[in-house]
Amino acid sequence: MGAVKKCGVAMLVVVVVVCGVALQAQVGESQQNNCSTELNSLTTCAPFVVPGQPMTTPSSDCCTALQTVDHDCLCNTLRIAARIPTACSLPPLNCA
């Protein structure tokens, strides 16, 4: 279960970096700015998800940042991220 959780959070951090441009095309400009800002706040979670780091639980700052991200913003970003491997002719991501 812990590995699945780490994979999910790691994917989220990667999504922040990779999907910024794609997300701009998906939502209106003011919504996009808010969503990008909210997603950028998740960088505080990086020490928890980067392999080899000693943190086993997310910091309170990470949890707070995750709570402040709008549900639609997060879901749209994850949907976009899930399409990236296929768009790059790669197999789908499987974190199981």
PDB file of N, CA and C in Angstrom:
ATOM      1  N   MET A   1       0.827  -1.197   0.000  1.00  0.00           N
ATOM      2  CA  MET A   1       0.000   0.000   0.000  1.00  0.00           C
ATOM      3  C   MET A   1       0.861   1.247   0.000  1.00  0.00           C
ATOM      4  N   GLY A   2       1.940   1.274   0.777  1.00  0.00           N
ATOM      5  CA  GLY A   2       2.818   2.425   0.837  1.00  0.00           C
ATOM      6  C   GLY A   2       3.465   2.710  -0.495  1.00  0.00           C
ATOM      7  N   ALA A   3       3.844   1.655  -1.216  1.00  0.00           N
ATOM      8  CA  ALA A   3       4.467   1.830  -2.525  1.00  0.00           C
ATOM      9  C   ALA A   3       3.472   2.417  -3.519  1.00  0.00           C
ATOM     10  N   VAL A   4       2.219   1.989  -3.447  1.00  0.00           N
ATOM     11  CA  VAL A   4       1.192   2.518  -4.334  1.00  0.00           C
ATOM     12  C   VAL A   4       0.969   3.990  -4.019  1.00  0.00           C
ATOM     13  N   LYS A   5       0.917   4.345  -2.735  1.00  0.00           N
ATOM     14  CA  LYS A   5       0.721   5.731  -2.341  1.00  0.00           C
ATOM     15  C   LYS A   5       1.882   6.585  -2.828  1.00  0.00           C
ATOM     16  N   LYS A   6       3.112   6.098  -2.654  1.00  0.00           N
ATOM     17  CA  LYS A   6       4.276   6.844  -3.122  1.00  0.00           C
ATOM     18  C   LYS A   6       4.246   7.010  -4.621  1.00  0.00           C
ATOM     19  N   CYS A   7       3.831   5.985  -5.336  1.00  0.00           N
ATOM     20  CA  CYS A   7       3.749   6.066  -6.795  1.00  0.00           C
ATOM     21  C   CYS A   7       2.733   7.131  -7.194  1.00  0.00           C
ATOM     22  N   GLY A   8       1.606   7.166  -6.514  1.00  0.00           N
ATOM     23  CA  GLY A   8       0.578   8.157  -6.826  1.00  0.00           C
ATOM     24  C   GLY A   8       1.051   9.573  -6.561  1.00  0.00           C
ATOM     25  N   VAL A   9       1.705   9.784  -5.446  1.00  0.00           N
ATOM     26  CA  VAL A   9       2.208  11.116  -5.126  1.00  0.00           C
ATOM     27  C   VAL A   9       3.365  11.474  -6.049  1.00  0.00           C
ATOM     28  N   ALA A  10       4.212  10.502  -6.376  1.00  0.00           N
ATOM     29  CA  ALA A  10       5.309  10.760  -7.305  1.00  0.00           C
ATOM     30  C   ALA A  10       4.763  11.159  -8.660  1.00  0.00           C
ATOM     31  N   MET A  11       3.728  10.478  -9.089  1.00  0.00           N
ATOM     32  CA  MET A  11       3.114  10.821 -10.372  1.00  0.00           C
ATOM     33  C   MET A  11       2.569  12.239 -10.321  1.00  0.00           C
ATOM     34  N   LEU A  12       1.994  12.622  -9.205  1.00  0.00           N
ATOM     35  CA  LEU A  12       1.445  13.956  -9.046  1.00  0.00           C
ATOM     36  C   LEU A  12       2.531  15.014  -9.171  1.00  0.00           C
ATOM     37  N   VAL A  13       3.664  14.784  -8.545  1.00  0.00           N
ATOM     38  CA  VAL A  13       4.765  15.742  -8.640  1.00  0.00           C
ATOM     39  C   VAL A  13       5.280  15.820 -10.072  1.00  0.00           C
ATOM     40  N   VAL A  14       5.391  14.663 -10.722  1.00  0.00           N
ATOM     41  CA  VAL A  14       5.828  14.650 -12.118  1.00  0.00           C
ATOM     42  C   VAL A  14       4.815  15.389 -12.984  1.00  0.00           C
ATOM     43  N   VAL A  15       3.551  15.201 -12.690  1.00  0.00           N
ATOM     44  CA  VAL A  15       2.497  15.860 -13.443  1.00  0.00           C
ATOM     45  C   VAL A  15       2.642  17.374 -13.364  1.00  0.00           C
ATOM     46  N   VAL A  16       2.978  17.881 -12.197  1.00  0.00           N
ATOM     47  CA  VAL A  16       3.153  19.317 -12.034  1.00  0.00           C
ATOM     48  C   VAL A  16       4.184  19.840 -13.021  1.00  0.00           C
ATOM     49  N   VAL A  17       5.258  19.118 -13.172  1.00  0.00           N
ATOM     50  CA  VAL A  17       6.334  19.548 -14.055  1.00  0.00           C
ATOM     51  C   VAL A  17       5.971  19.348 -15.521  1.00  0.00           C
ATOM     52  N   VAL A  18       5.432  18.191 -15.857  1.00  0.00           N
ATOM     53  CA  VAL A  18       5.227  17.812 -17.249  1.00  0.00           C
ATOM     54  C   VAL A  18       3.975  18.423 -17.863  1.00  0.00           C
ATOM     55  N   CYS A  19       2.924  18.598 -17.098  1.00  0.00           N
ATOM     56  CA  CYS A  19       1.629  18.955 -17.675  1.00  0.00           C
ATOM     57  C   CYS A  19       1.280  20.430 -17.628  1.00  0.00           C
ATOM     58  N   GLY A  20       2.140  21.263 -17.148  1.00  0.00           N
ATOM     59  CA  GLY A  20       1.828  22.682 -17.077  1.00  0.00           C
ATOM     60  C   GLY A  20       1.377  23.253 -18.401  1.00  0.00           C
ATOM     61  N   VAL A  21       2.113  22.983 -19.450  1.00  0.00           N
ATOM     62  CA  VAL A  21       1.779  23.506 -20.770  1.00  0.00           C
ATOM     63  C   VAL A  21       0.493  22.875 -21.284  1.00  0.00           C
ATOM     64  N   ALA A  22       0.347  21.582 -21.136  1.00  0.00           N
ATOM     65  CA  ALA A  22      -0.859  20.916 -21.620  1.00  0.00           C
ATOM     66  C   ALA A  22      -2.097  21.411 -20.883  1.00  0.00           C
ATOM     67  N   LEU A  23      -1.948  21.682 -19.618  1.00  0.00           N
ATOM     68  CA  LEU A  23      -3.074  22.143 -18.819  1.00  0.00           C
ATOM     69  C   LEU A  23      -3.543  23.514 -19.281  1.00  0.00           C
ATOM     70  N   GLN A  24      -2.624  24.346 -19.733  1.00  0.00           N
ATOM     71  CA  GLN A  24      -2.993  25.671 -20.208  1.00  0.00           C
ATOM     72  C   GLN A  24      -3.982  25.576 -21.357  1.00  0.00           C
ATOM     73  N   ALA A  25      -3.858  24.569 -22.173  1.00  0.00           N
ATOM     74  CA  ALA A  25      -4.757  24.404 -23.311  1.00  0.00           C
ATOM     75  C   ALA A  25      -6.112  23.847 -22.898  1.00  0.00           C
ATOM     76  N   GLN A  26      -6.212  23.287 -21.718  1.00  0.00           N
ATOM     77  CA  GLN A  26      -7.435  22.611 -21.287  1.00  0.00           C
ATOM     78  C   GLN A  26      -8.408  23.506 -20.527  1.00  0.00           C
ATOM     79  N   VAL A  27      -7.934  24.568 -19.903  1.00  0.00           N
ATOM     80  CA  VAL A  27      -8.800  25.390 -19.057  1.00  0.00           C
ATOM     81  C   VAL A  27      -8.666  26.846 -19.437  1.00  0.00           C
ATOM     82  N   GLY A  28      -9.607  27.664 -18.994  1.00  0.00           N
ATOM     83  CA  GLY A  28      -9.551  29.096 -19.259  1.00  0.00           C
ATOM     84  C   GLY A  28      -8.344  29.733 -18.602  1.00  0.00           C
ATOM     85  N   GLU A  29      -7.981  30.936 -19.079  1.00  0.00           N
ATOM     86  CA  GLU A  29      -6.746  31.575 -18.611  1.00  0.00           C
ATOM     87  C   GLU A  29      -6.747  31.827 -17.112  1.00  0.00           C
ATOM     88  N   SER A  30      -7.820  32.375 -16.546  1.00  0.00           N
ATOM     89  CA  SER A  30      -7.818  32.653 -15.110  1.00  0.00           C
ATOM     90  C   SER A  30      -7.832  31.361 -14.303  1.00  0.00           C
ATOM     91  N   GLN A  31      -8.590  30.368 -14.782  1.00  0.00           N
ATOM     92  CA  GLN A  31      -8.594  29.079 -14.096  1.00  0.00           C
ATOM     93  C   GLN A  31      -7.235  28.429 -14.194  1.00  0.00           C
ATOM     94  N   GLN A  32      -6.608  28.545 -15.361  1.00  0.00           N
ATOM     95  CA  GLN A  32      -5.294  27.942 -15.580  1.00  0.00           C
ATOM     96  C   GLN A  32      -4.272  28.539 -14.635  1.00  0.00           C
ATOM     97  N   ASN A  33      -4.310  29.860 -14.478  1.00  0.00           N
ATOM     98  CA  ASN A  33      -3.353  30.497 -13.580  1.00  0.00           C
ATOM     99  C   ASN A  33      -3.529  29.998 -12.154  1.00  0.00           C
ATOM    100  N   ASN A  34      -4.771  29.878 -11.712  1.00  0.00           N
ATOM    101  CA  ASN A  34      -5.030  29.371 -10.365  1.00  0.00           C
ATOM    102  C   ASN A  34      -4.587  27.925 -10.234  1.00  0.00           C
ATOM    103  N   CYS A  35      -4.897  27.113 -11.234  1.00  0.00           N
ATOM    104  CA  CYS A  35      -4.542  25.702 -11.193  1.00  0.00           C
ATOM    105  C   CYS A  35      -3.028  25.538 -11.201  1.00  0.00           C
ATOM    106  N   SER A  36      -2.347  26.266 -12.063  1.00  0.00           N
ATOM    107  CA  SER A  36      -0.885  26.177 -12.117  1.00  0.00           C
ATOM    108  C   SER A  36      -0.268  26.561 -10.785  1.00  0.00           C
ATOM    109  N   THR A  37      -0.785  27.616 -10.189  1.00  0.00           N
ATOM    110  CA  THR A  37      -0.271  28.055  -8.890  1.00  0.00           C
ATOM    111  C   THR A  37      -0.507  26.990  -7.835  1.00  0.00           C
ATOM    112  N   GLU A  38      -1.705  26.411  -7.839  1.00  0.00           N
ATOM    113  CA  GLU A  38      -2.018  25.360  -6.869  1.00  0.00           C
ATOM    114  C   GLU A  38      -1.105  24.151  -7.070  1.00  0.00           C
ATOM    115  N   LEU A  39      -0.904  23.747  -8.327  1.00  0.00           N
ATOM    116  CA  LEU A  39      -0.045  22.599  -8.600  1.00  0.00           C
ATOM    117  C   LEU A  39       1.409  22.894  -8.230  1.00  0.00           C
ATOM    118  N   ASN A  40       1.853  24.106  -8.462  1.00  0.00           N
ATOM    119  CA  ASN A  40       3.224  24.469  -8.106  1.00  0.00           C
ATOM    120  C   ASN A  40       3.458  24.380  -6.601  1.00  0.00           C
ATOM    121  N   SER A  41       2.409  24.573  -5.828  1.00  0.00           N
ATOM    122  CA  SER A  41       2.566  24.483  -4.372  1.00  0.00           C
ATOM    123  C   SER A  41       2.905  23.060  -3.937  1.00  0.00           C
ATOM    124  N   LEU A  42       2.651  22.075  -4.818  1.00  0.00           N
ATOM    125  CA  LEU A  42       2.933  20.678  -4.474  1.00  0.00           C
ATOM    126  C   LEU A  42       4.423  20.344  -4.510  1.00  0.00           C
ATOM    127  N   THR A  43       5.249  21.287  -4.922  1.00  0.00           N
ATOM    128  CA  THR A  43       6.693  21.031  -4.900  1.00  0.00           C
ATOM    129  C   THR A  43       7.180  20.777  -3.479  1.00  0.00           C
ATOM    130  N   THR A  44       6.414  21.218  -2.487  1.00  0.00           N
ATOM    131  CA  THR A  44       6.792  20.934  -1.099  1.00  0.00           C
ATOM    132  C   THR A  44       6.714  19.435  -0.804  1.00  0.00           C
ATOM    133  N   CYS A  45       6.058  18.683  -1.671  1.00  0.00           N
ATOM    134  CA  CYS A  45       5.940  17.233  -1.491  1.00  0.00           C
ATOM    135  C   CYS A  45       7.121  16.466  -2.086  1.00  0.00           C
ATOM    136  N   ALA A  46       7.982  17.139  -2.825  1.00  0.00           N
ATOM    137  CA  ALA A  46       9.095  16.468  -3.501  1.00  0.00           C
ATOM    138  C   ALA A  46       9.968  15.638  -2.562  1.00  0.00           C
ATOM    139  N   PRO A  47      10.334  16.130  -1.376  1.00  0.00           N
ATOM    140  CA  PRO A  47      11.186  15.301  -0.512  1.00  0.00           C
ATOM    141  C   PRO A  47      10.546  13.972  -0.117  1.00  0.00           C
ATOM    142  N   PHE A  48       9.242  13.897  -0.167  1.00  0.00           N
ATOM    143  CA  PHE A  48       8.537  12.668   0.186  1.00  0.00           C
ATOM    144  C   PHE A  48       8.531  11.668  -0.954  1.00  0.00           C
ATOM    145  N   VAL A  49       8.536  12.143  -2.188  1.00  0.00           N
ATOM    146  CA  VAL A  49       8.367  11.233  -3.313  1.00  0.00           C
ATOM    147  C   VAL A  49       9.634  10.944  -4.102  1.00  0.00           C
ATOM    148  N   VAL A  50      10.678  11.714  -3.904  1.00  0.00           N
ATOM    149  CA  VAL A  50      11.914  11.489  -4.646  1.00  0.00           C
ATOM    150  C   VAL A  50      12.590  10.234  -4.099  1.00  0.00           C
ATOM    151  N   PRO A  51      12.869   9.266  -4.978  1.00  0.00           N
ATOM    152  CA  PRO A  51      13.517   8.023  -4.519  1.00  0.00           C
ATOM    153  C   PRO A  51      14.839   8.309  -3.807  1.00  0.00           C
ATOM    154  N   GLY A  52      15.062   7.577  -2.724  1.00  0.00           N
ATOM    155  CA  GLY A  52      16.304   7.710  -1.972  1.00  0.00           C
ATOM    156  C   GLY A  52      16.252   8.733  -0.860  1.00  0.00           C
ATOM    157  N   GLN A  53      15.169   9.490  -0.780  1.00  0.00           N
ATOM    158  CA  GLN A  53      15.046  10.478   0.285  1.00  0.00           C
ATOM    159  C   GLN A  53      14.585   9.784   1.568  1.00  0.00           C
ATOM    160  N   PRO A  54      15.036  10.270   2.728  1.00  0.00           N
ATOM    161  CA  PRO A  54      14.728   9.589   3.983  1.00  0.00           C
ATOM    162  C   PRO A  54      13.302   9.790   4.504  1.00  0.00           C
ATOM    163  N   MET A  55      12.542  10.728   3.934  1.00  0.00           N
ATOM    164  CA  MET A  55      11.197  10.995   4.459  1.00  0.00           C
ATOM    165  C   MET A  55      10.266   9.832   4.133  1.00  0.00           C
ATOM    166  N   THR A  56       9.553   9.353   5.141  1.00  0.00           N
ATOM    167  CA  THR A  56       8.601   8.258   4.932  1.00  0.00           C
ATOM    168  C   THR A  56       7.162   8.748   4.988  1.00  0.00           C
ATOM    169  N   THR A  57       6.960   9.954   5.483  1.00  0.00           N
ATOM    170  CA  THR A  57       5.628  10.546   5.517  1.00  0.00           C
ATOM    171  C   THR A  57       5.719  11.973   4.990  1.00  0.00           C
ATOM    172  N   PRO A  58       4.658  12.441   4.352  1.00  0.00           N
ATOM    173  CA  PRO A  58       4.696  13.811   3.841  1.00  0.00           C
ATOM    174  C   PRO A  58       4.690  14.823   4.985  1.00  0.00           C
ATOM    175  N   SER A  59       5.295  15.965   4.741  1.00  0.00           N
ATOM    176  CA  SER A  59       5.311  17.036   5.740  1.00  0.00           C
ATOM    177  C   SER A  59       3.914  17.645   5.845  1.00  0.00           C
ATOM    178  N   SER A  60       3.706  18.392   6.900  1.00  0.00           N
ATOM    179  CA  SER A  60       2.418  19.075   7.051  1.00  0.00           C
ATOM    180  C   SER A  60       2.237  20.095   5.932  1.00  0.00           C
ATOM    181  N   ASP A  61       3.339  20.713   5.464  1.00  0.00           N
ATOM    182  CA  ASP A  61       3.245  21.651   4.339  1.00  0.00           C
ATOM    183  C   ASP A  61       2.760  20.940   3.083  1.00  0.00           C
ATOM    184  N   CYS A  62       3.258  19.733   2.849  1.00  0.00           N
ATOM    185  CA  CYS A  62       2.827  18.950   1.693  1.00  0.00           C
ATOM    186  C   CYS A  62       1.335  18.642   1.798  1.00  0.00           C
ATOM    187  N   CYS A  63       0.909  18.185   2.944  1.00  0.00           N
ATOM    188  CA  CYS A  63      -0.509  17.841   3.132  1.00  0.00           C
ATOM    189  C   CYS A  63      -1.402  19.065   2.964  1.00  0.00           C
ATOM    190  N   THR A  64      -0.961  20.194   3.491  1.00  0.00           N
ATOM    191  CA  THR A  64      -1.723  21.434   3.344  1.00  0.00           C
ATOM    192  C   THR A  64      -1.805  21.834   1.881  1.00  0.00           C
ATOM    193  N   ALA A  65      -0.690  21.741   1.171  1.00  0.00           N
ATOM    194  CA  ALA A  65      -0.677  22.085  -0.255  1.00  0.00           C
ATOM    195  C   ALA A  65      -1.630  21.188  -1.027  1.00  0.00           C
ATOM    196  N   LEU A  66      -1.616  19.906  -0.741  1.00  0.00           N
ATOM    197  CA  LEU A  66      -2.505  18.973  -1.430  1.00  0.00           C
ATOM    198  C   LEU A  66      -3.971  19.288  -1.149  1.00  0.00           C
ATOM    199  N   GLN A  67      -4.272  19.690   0.080  1.00  0.00           N
ATOM    200  CA  GLN A  67      -5.650  20.031   0.432  1.00  0.00           C
ATOM    201  C   GLN A  67      -6.142  21.279  -0.278  1.00  0.00           C
ATOM    202  N   THR A  68      -5.227  22.177  -0.638  1.00  0.00           N
ATOM    203  CA  THR A  68      -5.643  23.433  -1.260  1.00  0.00           C
ATOM    204  C   THR A  68      -5.814  23.332  -2.769  1.00  0.00           C
ATOM    205  N   VAL A  69      -5.363  22.226  -3.372  1.00  0.00           N
ATOM    206  CA  VAL A  69      -5.512  22.080  -4.823  1.00  0.00           C
ATOM    207  C   VAL A  69      -6.963  21.741  -5.147  1.00  0.00           C
ATOM    208  N   ASP A  70      -7.529  22.516  -6.054  1.00  0.00           N
ATOM    209  CA  ASP A  70      -8.911  22.312  -6.476  1.00  0.00           C
ATOM    210  C   ASP A  70      -9.078  20.911  -7.073  1.00  0.00           C
ATOM    211  N   HIS A  71     -10.177  20.269  -6.758  1.00  0.00           N
ATOM    212  CA  HIS A  71     -10.453  18.905  -7.214  1.00  0.00           C
ATOM    213  C   HIS A  71     -10.406  18.814  -8.738  1.00  0.00           C
ATOM    214  N   ASP A  72     -11.076  19.735  -9.437  1.00  0.00           N
ATOM    215  CA  ASP A  72     -11.095  19.701 -10.904  1.00  0.00           C
ATOM    216  C   ASP A  72      -9.700  19.924 -11.481  1.00  0.00           C
ATOM    217  N   CYS A  73      -8.946  20.806 -10.883  1.00  0.00           N
ATOM    218  CA  CYS A  73      -7.577  21.071 -11.325  1.00  0.00           C
ATOM    219  C   CYS A  73      -6.751  19.796 -11.233  1.00  0.00           C
ATOM    220  N   LEU A  74      -6.822  19.139 -10.104  1.00  0.00           N
ATOM    221  CA  LEU A  74      -6.047  17.918  -9.878  1.00  0.00           C
ATOM    222  C   LEU A  74      -6.503  16.797 -10.820  1.00  0.00           C
ATOM    223  N   CYS A  75      -7.795  16.606 -10.945  1.00  0.00           N
ATOM    224  CA  CYS A  75      -8.310  15.536 -11.803  1.00  0.00           C
ATOM    225  C   CYS A  75      -7.972  15.778 -13.271  1.00  0.00           C
ATOM    226  N   ASN A  76      -8.130  17.011 -13.744  1.00  0.00           N
ATOM    227  CA  ASN A  76      -7.783  17.320 -15.135  1.00  0.00           C
ATOM    228  C   ASN A  76      -6.300  17.075 -15.389  1.00  0.00           C
ATOM    229  N   THR A  77      -5.474  17.432 -14.439  1.00  0.00           N
ATOM    230  CA  THR A  77      -4.034  17.242 -14.587  1.00  0.00           C
ATOM    231  C   THR A  77      -3.687  15.757 -14.618  1.00  0.00           C
ATOM    232  N   LEU A  78      -4.311  14.978 -13.766  1.00  0.00           N
ATOM    233  CA  LEU A  78      -4.049  13.537 -13.756  1.00  0.00           C
ATOM    234  C   LEU A  78      -4.544  12.877 -15.038  1.00  0.00           C
ATOM    235  N   ARG A  79      -5.675  13.348 -15.570  1.00  0.00           N
ATOM    236  CA  ARG A  79      -6.169  12.813 -16.845  1.00  0.00           C
ATOM    237  C   ARG A  79      -5.171  13.087 -17.967  1.00  0.00           C
ATOM    238  N   ILE A  80      -4.647  14.300 -17.988  1.00  0.00           N
ATOM    239  CA  ILE A  80      -3.657  14.667 -19.006  1.00  0.00           C
ATOM    240  C   ILE A  80      -2.412  13.803 -18.848  1.00  0.00           C
ATOM    241  N   ALA A  81      -1.956  13.643 -17.624  1.00  0.00           N
ATOM    242  CA  ALA A  81      -0.748  12.850 -17.373  1.00  0.00           C
ATOM    243  C   ALA A  81      -0.942  11.401 -17.792  1.00  0.00           C
ATOM    244  N   ALA A  82      -2.137  10.890 -17.600  1.00  0.00           N
ATOM    245  CA  ALA A  82      -2.400   9.496 -17.966  1.00  0.00           C
ATOM    246  C   ALA A  82      -2.343   9.290 -19.476  1.00  0.00           C
ATOM    247  N   ARG A  83      -2.562  10.352 -20.239  1.00  0.00           N
ATOM    248  CA  ARG A  83      -2.527  10.250 -21.704  1.00  0.00           C
ATOM    249  C   ARG A  83      -1.130  10.413 -22.281  1.00  0.00           C
ATOM    250  N   ILE A  84      -0.199  10.942 -21.527  1.00  0.00           N
ATOM    251  CA  ILE A  84       1.137  11.240 -22.052  1.00  0.00           C
ATOM    252  C   ILE A  84       1.858   9.996 -22.569  1.00  0.00           C
ATOM    253  N   PRO A  85       1.923   8.891 -21.828  1.00  0.00           N
ATOM    254  CA  PRO A  85       2.646   7.725 -22.372  1.00  0.00           C
ATOM    255  C   PRO A  85       2.093   7.262 -23.722  1.00  0.00           C
ATOM    256  N   THR A  86       0.780   7.210 -23.866  1.00  0.00           N
ATOM    257  CA  THR A  86       0.173   6.782 -25.124  1.00  0.00           C
ATOM    258  C   THR A  86       0.530   7.756 -26.244  1.00  0.00           C
ATOM    259  N   ALA A  87       0.488   9.042 -25.950  1.00  0.00           N
ATOM    260  CA  ALA A  87       0.820  10.053 -26.948  1.00  0.00           C
ATOM    261  C   ALA A  87       2.288   9.935 -27.383  1.00  0.00           C
ATOM    262  N   CYS A  88       3.123   9.398 -26.515  1.00  0.00           N
ATOM    263  CA  CYS A  88       4.545   9.217 -26.820  1.00  0.00           C
ATOM    264  C   CYS A  88       4.856   7.806 -27.304  1.00  0.00           C
ATOM    265  N   SER A  89       3.826   7.046 -27.651  1.00  0.00           N
ATOM    266  CA  SER A  89       3.963   5.663 -28.127  1.00  0.00           C
ATOM    267  C   SER A  89       4.687   4.780 -27.106  1.00  0.00           C
ATOM    268  N   LEU A  90       4.358   4.991 -25.841  1.00  0.00           N
ATOM    269  CA  LEU A  90       4.896   4.192 -24.746  1.00  0.00           C
ATOM    270  C   LEU A  90       3.770   3.401 -24.116  1.00  0.00           C
ATOM    271  N   PRO A  91       4.098   2.312 -23.406  1.00  0.00           N
ATOM    272  CA  PRO A  91       3.032   1.575 -22.720  1.00  0.00           C
ATOM    273  C   PRO A  91       2.446   2.416 -21.593  1.00  0.00           C
ATOM    274  N   PRO A  92       1.196   2.156 -21.259  1.00  0.00           N
ATOM    275  CA  PRO A  92       0.560   2.898 -20.159  1.00  0.00           C
ATOM    276  C   PRO A  92       1.331   2.718 -18.858  1.00  0.00           C
ATOM    277  N   LEU A  93       1.304   3.731 -18.026  1.00  0.00           N
ATOM    278  CA  LEU A  93       1.965   3.681 -16.727  1.00  0.00           C
ATOM    279  C   LEU A  93       1.203   2.734 -15.807  1.00  0.00           C
ATOM    280  N   ASN A  94       1.916   1.841 -15.169  1.00  0.00           N
ATOM    281  CA  ASN A  94       1.318   0.893 -14.239  1.00  0.00           C
ATOM    282  C   ASN A  94       2.100   0.940 -12.944  1.00  0.00           C
ATOM    283  N   CYS A  95       1.480   1.469 -11.905  1.00  0.00           N
ATOM    284  CA  CYS A  95       2.166   1.635 -10.620  1.00  0.00           C
ATOM    285  C   CYS A  95       1.834   0.522  -9.623  1.00  0.00           C
ATOM    286  N   ALA A  96       1.182  -0.519 -10.073  1.00  0.00           N
ATOM    287  CA  ALA A  96       0.783  -1.582  -9.150  1.00  0.00           C
ATOM    288  C   ALA A  96       1.950  -2.391  -8.656  1.00  0.00           C
TER     289      ALA A  96
END
